[in-house]
């Protein structure tokens, strides 16, 4: 599998450079839109756990009010009042995720692999589920497709975290383990 991961890393680098260069004008427009529509930084540095448990800052265009991670749950529902107006558009179009190609270029992530999670949720992984951390975490994976509209699934709930932990997390973990074993 070492040869596979070396080839995968090369493809990640080439693909990330191509995406970042090609979408540079889009990145500039989105950055300007975020800057002009809400106070705070353009990029959000989400604390995530990567391969082998290494902590890193996953980059995203900021779609929520500044310090949203300190004033609400770790998981976001579509009706979360912390989401900015431009943030709603960026989330629906997934444009907020484009800066993660920089994380791929730097080696923190891969294009394809289990989505990196916050440390607080990684703590809940049982021993056999920690296999997820043996492979590079990615921008997209099976669960990204399965839960493409995750925010809508969690809308209107009384306890977003409880619903995430019962409805979403078990399936995401199983899909992440499947990828780690077979991807």
C-alpha atoms as a PDB file:
ATOM      1  CA  UNK A   1       0.000   0.000   0.000  1.00  0.00           C
ATOM      2  CA  UNK A   2       2.989   2.321   0.336  1.00  0.00           C
ATOM      3  CA  UNK A   3       3.174   2.706  -3.461  1.00  0.00           C
ATOM      4  CA  UNK A   4      -0.543   3.423  -3.556  1.00  0.00           C
ATOM      5  CA  UNK A   5      -0.233   6.208  -0.977  1.00  0.00           C
ATOM      6  CA  UNK A   6       2.758   7.757  -2.761  1.00  0.00           C
ATOM      7  CA  UNK A   7       0.832   7.817  -6.053  1.00  0.00           C
ATOM      8  CA  UNK A   8      -2.224   9.185  -4.243  1.00  0.00           C
ATOM      9  CA  UNK A   9      -0.095  11.967  -2.717  1.00  0.00           C
ATOM     10  CA  UNK A  10       1.287  12.911  -6.144  1.00  0.00           C
ATOM     11  CA  UNK A  11      -2.233  13.050  -7.595  1.00  0.00           C
ATOM     12  CA  UNK A  12      -3.348  15.154  -4.591  1.00  0.00           C
ATOM     13  CA  UNK A  13      -0.560  17.682  -5.214  1.00  0.00           C
ATOM     14  CA  UNK A  14      -1.187  17.973  -8.956  1.00  0.00           C
ATOM     15  CA  UNK A  15      -4.954  18.177  -8.509  1.00  0.00           C
ATOM     16  CA  UNK A  16      -4.722  20.759  -5.698  1.00  0.00           C
ATOM     17  CA  UNK A  17      -2.387  23.025  -7.651  1.00  0.00           C
ATOM     18  CA  UNK A  18      -4.693  22.801 -10.669  1.00  0.00           C
ATOM     19  CA  UNK A  19      -7.789  23.626  -8.584  1.00  0.00           C
ATOM     20  CA  UNK A  20      -6.163  26.508  -6.690  1.00  0.00           C
ATOM     21  CA  UNK A  21      -4.724  28.083  -9.850  1.00  0.00           C
ATOM     22  CA  UNK A  22      -7.867  27.587 -11.932  1.00  0.00           C
ATOM     23  CA  UNK A  23     -10.190  28.850  -9.228  1.00  0.00           C
ATOM     24  CA  UNK A  24      -7.987  31.741  -8.065  1.00  0.00           C
ATOM     25  CA  UNK A  25     -10.417  34.356  -9.457  1.00  0.00           C
ATOM     26  CA  UNK A  26     -13.339  32.620  -7.727  1.00  0.00           C
ATOM     27  CA  UNK A  27     -11.344  32.459  -4.486  1.00  0.00           C
ATOM     28  CA  UNK A  28     -10.686  36.196  -4.707  1.00  0.00           C
ATOM     29  CA  UNK A  29     -14.371  36.998  -5.312  1.00  0.00           C
ATOM     30  CA  UNK A  30     -15.518  34.782  -2.445  1.00  0.00           C
ATOM     31  CA  UNK A  31     -12.884  36.266  -0.115  1.00  0.00           C
ATOM     32  CA  UNK A  32     -14.057  39.762  -1.008  1.00  0.00           C
ATOM     33  CA  UNK A  33     -17.707  38.799  -0.485  1.00  0.00           C
ATOM     34  CA  UNK A  34     -16.960  37.368   2.964  1.00  0.00           C
ATOM     35  CA  UNK A  35     -14.913  40.429   3.916  1.00  0.00           C
ATOM     36  CA  UNK A  36     -17.577  42.913   2.758  1.00  0.00           C
ATOM     37  CA  UNK A  37     -20.609  41.178   4.248  1.00  0.00           C
ATOM     38  CA  UNK A  38     -19.535  40.415   7.803  1.00  0.00           C
ATOM     39  CA  UNK A  39     -16.850  41.507  10.231  1.00  0.00           C
ATOM     40  CA  UNK A  40     -14.040  39.116  10.987  1.00  0.00           C
ATOM     41  CA  UNK A  41     -11.447  37.074   9.140  1.00  0.00           C
ATOM     42  CA  UNK A  42     -12.070  35.715   5.644  1.00  0.00           C
ATOM     43  CA  UNK A  43     -10.839  32.236   6.523  1.00  0.00           C
ATOM     44  CA  UNK A  44     -11.911  30.028   9.389  1.00  0.00           C
ATOM     45  CA  UNK A  45      -9.256  27.724  10.781  1.00  0.00           C
ATOM     46  CA  UNK A  46     -11.154  24.719  12.056  1.00  0.00           C
ATOM     47  CA  UNK A  47      -9.234  22.586  14.560  1.00  0.00           C
ATOM     48  CA  UNK A  48      -9.297  19.041  13.213  1.00  0.00           C
ATOM     49  CA  UNK A  49      -7.628  15.702  13.820  1.00  0.00           C
ATOM     50  CA  UNK A  50      -5.714  14.325  10.849  1.00  0.00           C
ATOM     51  CA  UNK A  51      -3.821  11.166  10.040  1.00  0.00           C
ATOM     52  CA  UNK A  52      -2.202   9.490  13.081  1.00  0.00           C
ATOM     53  CA  UNK A  53      -4.084  11.875  15.388  1.00  0.00           C
ATOM     54  CA  UNK A  54      -2.130  14.962  14.316  1.00  0.00           C
ATOM     55  CA  UNK A  55      -3.963  18.236  15.006  1.00  0.00           C
ATOM     56  CA  UNK A  56      -4.129  20.758  12.161  1.00  0.00           C
ATOM     57  CA  UNK A  57      -6.062  23.854  11.103  1.00  0.00           C
ATOM     58  CA  UNK A  58      -8.476  22.966   8.295  1.00  0.00           C
ATOM     59  CA  UNK A  59      -9.125  26.056   6.189  1.00  0.00           C
ATOM     60  CA  UNK A  60     -12.583  27.136   5.097  1.00  0.00           C
ATOM     61  CA  UNK A  61     -14.091  30.390   4.012  1.00  0.00           C
ATOM     62  CA  UNK A  62     -15.825  31.753   7.107  1.00  0.00           C
ATOM     63  CA  UNK A  63     -19.570  31.147   6.839  1.00  0.00           C
ATOM     64  CA  UNK A  64     -20.537  31.977  10.398  1.00  0.00           C
ATOM     65  CA  UNK A  65     -20.221  34.908  12.742  1.00  0.00           C
ATOM     66  CA  UNK A  66     -16.833  35.389  14.369  1.00  0.00           C
ATOM     67  CA  UNK A  67     -16.276  33.059  17.352  1.00  0.00           C
ATOM     68  CA  UNK A  68     -19.295  30.917  16.399  1.00  0.00           C
ATOM     69  CA  UNK A  69     -17.441  27.837  17.642  1.00  0.00           C
ATOM     70  CA  UNK A  70     -17.378  29.371  21.124  1.00  0.00           C
ATOM     71  CA  UNK A  71     -21.077  30.322  21.272  1.00  0.00           C
ATOM     72  CA  UNK A  72     -22.830  27.228  19.952  1.00  0.00           C
ATOM     73  CA  UNK A  73     -22.640  23.508  19.285  1.00  0.00           C
ATOM     74  CA  UNK A  74     -19.773  21.831  17.406  1.00  0.00           C
ATOM     75  CA  UNK A  75     -22.187  20.667  14.709  1.00  0.00           C
ATOM     76  CA  UNK A  76     -24.253  23.049  12.610  1.00  0.00           C
ATOM     77  CA  UNK A  77     -27.850  22.699  11.477  1.00  0.00           C
ATOM     78  CA  UNK A  78     -29.081  24.559   8.403  1.00  0.00           C
ATOM     79  CA  UNK A  79     -31.214  26.911  10.493  1.00  0.00           C
ATOM     80  CA  UNK A  80     -28.331  27.879  12.795  1.00  0.00           C
ATOM     81  CA  UNK A  81     -28.548  31.658  13.422  1.00  0.00           C
ATOM     82  CA  UNK A  82     -24.721  31.862  13.510  1.00  0.00           C
ATOM     83  CA  UNK A  83     -24.559  31.308   9.715  1.00  0.00           C
ATOM     84  CA  UNK A  84     -24.133  34.570   7.779  1.00  0.00           C
ATOM     85  CA  UNK A  85     -26.166  35.372   4.656  1.00  0.00           C
ATOM     86  CA  UNK A  86     -23.172  34.867   2.377  1.00  0.00           C
ATOM     87  CA  UNK A  87     -22.325  31.805   4.448  1.00  0.00           C
ATOM     88  CA  UNK A  88     -25.637  30.198   3.499  1.00  0.00           C
ATOM     89  CA  UNK A  89     -24.750  30.537  -0.186  1.00  0.00           C
ATOM     90  CA  UNK A  90     -21.190  29.314   0.308  1.00  0.00           C
ATOM     91  CA  UNK A  91     -22.368  26.256   2.226  1.00  0.00           C
ATOM     92  CA  UNK A  92     -25.024  25.331  -0.337  1.00  0.00           C
ATOM     93  CA  UNK A  93     -22.546  25.617  -3.220  1.00  0.00           C
ATOM     94  CA  UNK A  94     -19.666  24.088  -1.169  1.00  0.00           C
ATOM     95  CA  UNK A  95     -17.473  27.055  -2.159  1.00  0.00           C
ATOM     96  CA  UNK A  96     -16.502  27.391   1.511  1.00  0.00           C
ATOM     97  CA  UNK A  97     -14.536  24.129   1.159  1.00  0.00           C
ATOM     98  CA  UNK A  98     -12.162  25.254  -1.640  1.00  0.00           C
ATOM     99  CA  UNK A  99      -9.428  26.528   0.720  1.00  0.00           C
ATOM    100  CA  UNK A 100      -8.998  22.937   1.899  1.00  0.00           C
ATOM    101  CA  UNK A 101      -7.050  22.279  -1.286  1.00  0.00           C
ATOM    102  CA  UNK A 102      -4.301  24.292   0.422  1.00  0.00           C
ATOM    103  CA  UNK A 103      -4.460  21.756   3.278  1.00  0.00           C
ATOM    104  CA  UNK A 104      -4.082  19.010   0.679  1.00  0.00           C
ATOM    105  CA  UNK A 105      -1.112  20.765  -0.890  1.00  0.00           C
ATOM    106  CA  UNK A 106       0.525  21.086   2.547  1.00  0.00           C
ATOM    107  CA  UNK A 107      -0.022  17.387   3.277  1.00  0.00           C
ATOM    108  CA  UNK A 108      -2.550  17.824   6.104  1.00  0.00           C
ATOM    109  CA  UNK A 109      -5.317  16.273   4.017  1.00  0.00           C
ATOM    110  CA  UNK A 110      -5.991  14.308   0.852  1.00  0.00           C
ATOM    111  CA  UNK A 111      -8.628  14.998  -1.784  1.00  0.00           C
ATOM    112  CA  UNK A 112     -10.355  11.695  -0.947  1.00  0.00           C
ATOM    113  CA  UNK A 113     -10.435  10.236   2.556  1.00  0.00           C
ATOM    114  CA  UNK A 114     -12.540  10.272   5.710  1.00  0.00           C
ATOM    115  CA  UNK A 115     -13.577  13.796   6.678  1.00  0.00           C
ATOM    116  CA  UNK A 116     -11.411  15.107   9.514  1.00  0.00           C
ATOM    117  CA  UNK A 117     -13.272  15.571  12.749  1.00  0.00           C
ATOM    118  CA  UNK A 118     -12.977  17.809  15.784  1.00  0.00           C
ATOM    119  CA  UNK A 119     -10.930  16.427  18.695  1.00  0.00           C
ATOM    120  CA  UNK A 120     -14.005  16.285  20.953  1.00  0.00           C
ATOM    121  CA  UNK A 121     -15.733  13.819  18.610  1.00  0.00           C
ATOM    122  CA  UNK A 122     -12.586  11.762  17.991  1.00  0.00           C
ATOM    123  CA  UNK A 123     -12.505  11.075  21.740  1.00  0.00           C
ATOM    124  CA  UNK A 124     -15.714   9.060  21.259  1.00  0.00           C
ATOM    125  CA  UNK A 125     -14.105   6.653  18.767  1.00  0.00           C
ATOM    126  CA  UNK A 126     -13.854   3.106  20.105  1.00  0.00           C
ATOM    127  CA  UNK A 127     -10.586   1.216  19.594  1.00  0.00           C
ATOM    128  CA  UNK A 128     -11.508  -0.409  16.265  1.00  0.00           C
ATOM    129  CA  UNK A 129     -12.921   2.889  14.934  1.00  0.00           C
ATOM    130  CA  UNK A 130      -9.551   4.615  15.349  1.00  0.00           C
ATOM    131  CA  UNK A 131      -8.481   2.912  12.093  1.00  0.00           C
ATOM    132  CA  UNK A 132      -9.969   6.015  10.464  1.00  0.00           C
ATOM    133  CA  UNK A 133      -6.933   7.948  11.704  1.00  0.00           C
ATOM    134  CA  UNK A 134      -4.495   5.594   9.930  1.00  0.00           C
ATOM    135  CA  UNK A 135      -5.243   7.096   6.508  1.00  0.00           C
ATOM    136  CA  UNK A 136      -5.043  10.699   5.266  1.00  0.00           C
ATOM    137  CA  UNK A 137      -8.226  12.580   6.060  1.00  0.00           C
ATOM    138  CA  UNK A 138      -9.932  14.062   3.017  1.00  0.00           C
ATOM    139  CA  UNK A 139     -12.047  16.783   1.493  1.00  0.00           C
ATOM    140  CA  UNK A 140     -14.571  14.234   0.306  1.00  0.00           C
ATOM    141  CA  UNK A 141     -15.492  10.677   1.164  1.00  0.00           C
ATOM    142  CA  UNK A 142     -18.448   8.307   1.231  1.00  0.00           C
ATOM    143  CA  UNK A 143     -20.070  10.160   4.137  1.00  0.00           C
ATOM    144  CA  UNK A 144     -19.752  13.513   2.333  1.00  0.00           C
ATOM    145  CA  UNK A 145     -21.903  12.045  -0.409  1.00  0.00           C
ATOM    146  CA  UNK A 146     -24.243  10.187   1.956  1.00  0.00           C
ATOM    147  CA  UNK A 147     -24.798  13.265   4.138  1.00  0.00           C
ATOM    148  CA  UNK A 148     -24.557  15.897   1.423  1.00  0.00           C
ATOM    149  CA  UNK A 149     -27.464  17.717   3.033  1.00  0.00           C
ATOM    150  CA  UNK A 150     -26.516  17.007   6.664  1.00  0.00           C
ATOM    151  CA  UNK A 151     -27.391  20.512   7.831  1.00  0.00           C
ATOM    152  CA  UNK A 152     -30.966  20.051   6.583  1.00  0.00           C
ATOM    153  CA  UNK A 153     -31.223  16.704   8.361  1.00  0.00           C
ATOM    154  CA  UNK A 154     -30.388  18.407  11.653  1.00  0.00           C
ATOM    155  CA  UNK A 155     -32.636  21.459  11.127  1.00  0.00           C
ATOM    156  CA  UNK A 156     -35.284  22.199  13.721  1.00  0.00           C
ATOM    157  CA  UNK A 157     -33.883  19.789  16.265  1.00  0.00           C
ATOM    158  CA  UNK A 158     -33.884  20.625  19.934  1.00  0.00           C
ATOM    159  CA  UNK A 159     -30.403  19.200  20.464  1.00  0.00           C
ATOM    160  CA  UNK A 160     -28.174  19.293  17.375  1.00  0.00           C
ATOM    161  CA  UNK A 161     -25.300  17.443  19.057  1.00  0.00           C
ATOM    162  CA  UNK A 162     -27.507  14.612  20.351  1.00  0.00           C
ATOM    163  CA  UNK A 163     -29.127  14.164  16.935  1.00  0.00           C
ATOM    164  CA  UNK A 164     -25.717  14.235  15.233  1.00  0.00           C
ATOM    165  CA  UNK A 165     -24.356  11.624  17.628  1.00  0.00           C
ATOM    166  CA  UNK A 166     -27.324   9.270  17.074  1.00  0.00           C
ATOM    167  CA  UNK A 167     -28.319   9.876  13.426  1.00  0.00           C
ATOM    168  CA  UNK A 168     -25.098  10.902  11.676  1.00  0.00           C
ATOM    169  CA  UNK A 169     -21.934   9.969  13.585  1.00  0.00           C
ATOM    170  CA  UNK A 170     -22.449   6.164  13.638  1.00  0.00           C
ATOM    171  CA  UNK A 171     -22.884   6.028   9.854  1.00  0.00           C
ATOM    172  CA  UNK A 172     -19.990   8.426   9.207  1.00  0.00           C
ATOM    173  CA  UNK A 173     -17.738   6.334  11.426  1.00  0.00           C
ATOM    174  CA  UNK A 174     -18.722   3.088   9.670  1.00  0.00           C
ATOM    175  CA  UNK A 175     -18.119   4.651   6.245  1.00  0.00           C
ATOM    176  CA  UNK A 176     -14.775   6.071   7.418  1.00  0.00           C
ATOM    177  CA  UNK A 177     -13.713   2.654   8.705  1.00  0.00           C
ATOM    178  CA  UNK A 178     -14.771   1.061   5.411  1.00  0.00           C
ATOM    179  CA  UNK A 179     -12.623   3.545   3.498  1.00  0.00           C
ATOM    180  CA  UNK A 180      -9.643   3.050   5.835  1.00  0.00           C
ATOM    181  CA  UNK A 181      -9.837  -0.713   5.326  1.00  0.00           C
ATOM    182  CA  UNK A 182     -10.566  -0.731   1.588  1.00  0.00           C
ATOM    183  CA  UNK A 183      -9.683   2.680   0.113  1.00  0.00           C
END
